[in-house]
Amino acid sequence: MNEAVSLVTAMLAGGVLGAIFFGGLWWTIRGALPSTAPALWFLGSFILRAGIAIGGVLLVTRGDWRNAAACMLGFLAARAAVTWITRTRRASAP
């Protein structure tokens, strides 16, 4: 039971980390494109997002490969969710 709770917690934490990472990427693209200095947006955002994601994964996994796998599943699920939520409707072809 304790191991199952650990895996579920790791998966949920991976989902939160993925939402922060990919949501931050979406926010960066929307802010950087009209900006006069988009390189600073992308560089700063990447450093911040990568630091949060790597630090969070290291804290969550605690060196256990099963926690790492569960965390990665949550991270990838968050990627799919953020992609679905932030998609734009394509113009239908005439």
Protein backbone atom coordinates (compact mmCIF):
# COMPACT_ATOMS: atom_id res chain seq x y z
CA MET A 1 0.00 0.00 0.00
CA ASN A 2 2.78 2.41 0.85
CA GLU A 3 4.46 1.78 -2.51
CA ALA A 4 1.21 2.43 -4.38
CA VAL A 5 0.77 5.75 -2.58
CA SER A 6 4.35 6.66 -3.46
CA LEU A 7 3.77 5.90 -7.15
CA VAL A 8 0.49 7.82 -7.31
CA THR A 9 2.13 10.77 -5.57
CA ALA A 10 5.02 10.66 -8.03
CA MET A 11 2.61 10.57 -10.97
CA LEU A 12 0.61 13.52 -9.65
CA ALA A 13 3.79 15.48 -8.99
CA GLY A 14 4.95 14.71 -12.53
CA GLY A 15 1.64 16.05 -13.82
CA VAL A 16 2.06 19.27 -11.89
CA LEU A 17 5.66 19.65 -13.08
CA GLY A 18 4.60 18.96 -16.66
CA ALA A 19 1.79 21.50 -16.44
CA ILE A 20 4.24 24.10 -15.16
CA PHE A 21 6.78 23.25 -17.86
CA PHE A 22 4.46 23.10 -20.86
CA GLY A 23 2.10 25.81 -19.61
CA GLY A 24 5.14 28.02 -19.15
CA LEU A 25 6.24 27.24 -22.70
CA TRP A 26 2.83 28.26 -24.02
CA TRP A 27 2.95 31.46 -21.97
CA THR A 28 6.48 32.19 -23.24
CA ILE A 29 5.51 31.79 -26.89
CA ARG A 30 2.51 34.08 -26.47
CA GLY A 31 4.63 36.72 -24.71
CA ALA A 32 7.80 36.45 -26.78
CA LEU A 33 6.38 36.71 -30.26
CA PRO A 34 5.17 40.33 -29.96
CA SER A 35 8.19 41.25 -27.81
CA THR A 36 11.16 43.29 -29.01
CA ALA A 37 13.55 40.86 -27.28
CA PRO A 38 12.16 37.35 -27.82
CA ALA A 39 15.54 35.68 -27.21
CA LEU A 40 15.52 36.87 -23.61
CA TRP A 41 12.02 35.52 -23.13
CA PHE A 42 12.94 32.10 -24.50
CA LEU A 43 16.27 31.83 -22.69
CA GLY A 44 14.97 33.02 -19.35
CA SER A 45 11.86 30.88 -19.59
CA PHE A 46 13.83 27.78 -20.51
CA ILE A 47 16.25 28.18 -17.62
CA LEU A 48 13.39 28.70 -15.17
CA ARG A 49 11.20 25.89 -16.54
CA ALA A 50 14.05 23.39 -16.80
CA GLY A 51 15.26 24.21 -13.30
CA ILE A 52 11.82 23.69 -11.81
CA ALA A 53 11.26 20.46 -13.75
CA ILE A 54 14.67 18.93 -13.02
CA GLY A 55 14.63 19.95 -9.38
CA GLY A 56 11.10 18.66 -8.93
CA VAL A 57 11.87 15.33 -10.58
CA LEU A 58 14.94 14.86 -8.41
CA LEU A 59 12.91 15.57 -5.28
CA VAL A 60 10.03 13.32 -6.28
CA THR A 61 11.95 10.29 -7.53
CA ARG A 62 14.33 9.95 -4.56
CA GLY A 63 16.55 7.72 -6.69
CA ASP A 64 13.88 5.07 -7.30
CA TRP A 65 13.32 4.12 -10.92
CA ARG A 66 9.65 3.28 -10.29
CA ASN A 67 8.98 6.76 -8.96
CA ALA A 68 10.89 8.18 -11.93
CA ALA A 69 8.74 6.19 -14.37
CA ALA A 70 5.52 7.27 -12.64
CA CYS A 71 6.69 10.89 -12.61
CA MET A 72 7.48 10.71 -16.34
CA LEU A 73 4.02 9.31 -17.07
CA GLY A 74 2.45 12.22 -15.23
CA PHE A 75 4.74 14.66 -17.04
CA LEU A 76 3.75 13.28 -20.44
CA ALA A 77 0.06 13.26 -19.50
CA ALA A 78 0.38 16.94 -18.61
CA ARG A 79 1.96 17.57 -22.00
CA ALA A 80 -1.05 16.03 -23.72
CA ALA A 81 -3.45 17.97 -21.50
CA VAL A 82 -1.75 21.34 -22.03
CA THR A 83 -1.56 20.69 -25.78
CA TRP A 84 -5.26 19.89 -25.86
CA ILE A 85 -6.26 22.87 -23.71
CA THR A 86 -4.17 25.44 -25.60
CA ARG A 87 -4.82 24.24 -29.14
CA THR A 88 -6.23 26.69 -31.63
CA ARG A 89 -8.97 25.84 -34.01
CA ARG A 90 -7.76 25.56 -37.57
CA ALA A 91 -9.68 27.31 -40.28
CA SER A 92 -11.69 24.79 -42.23
CA ALA A 93 -10.78 24.51 -45.88
CA PRO A 94 -13.45 25.69 -48.32
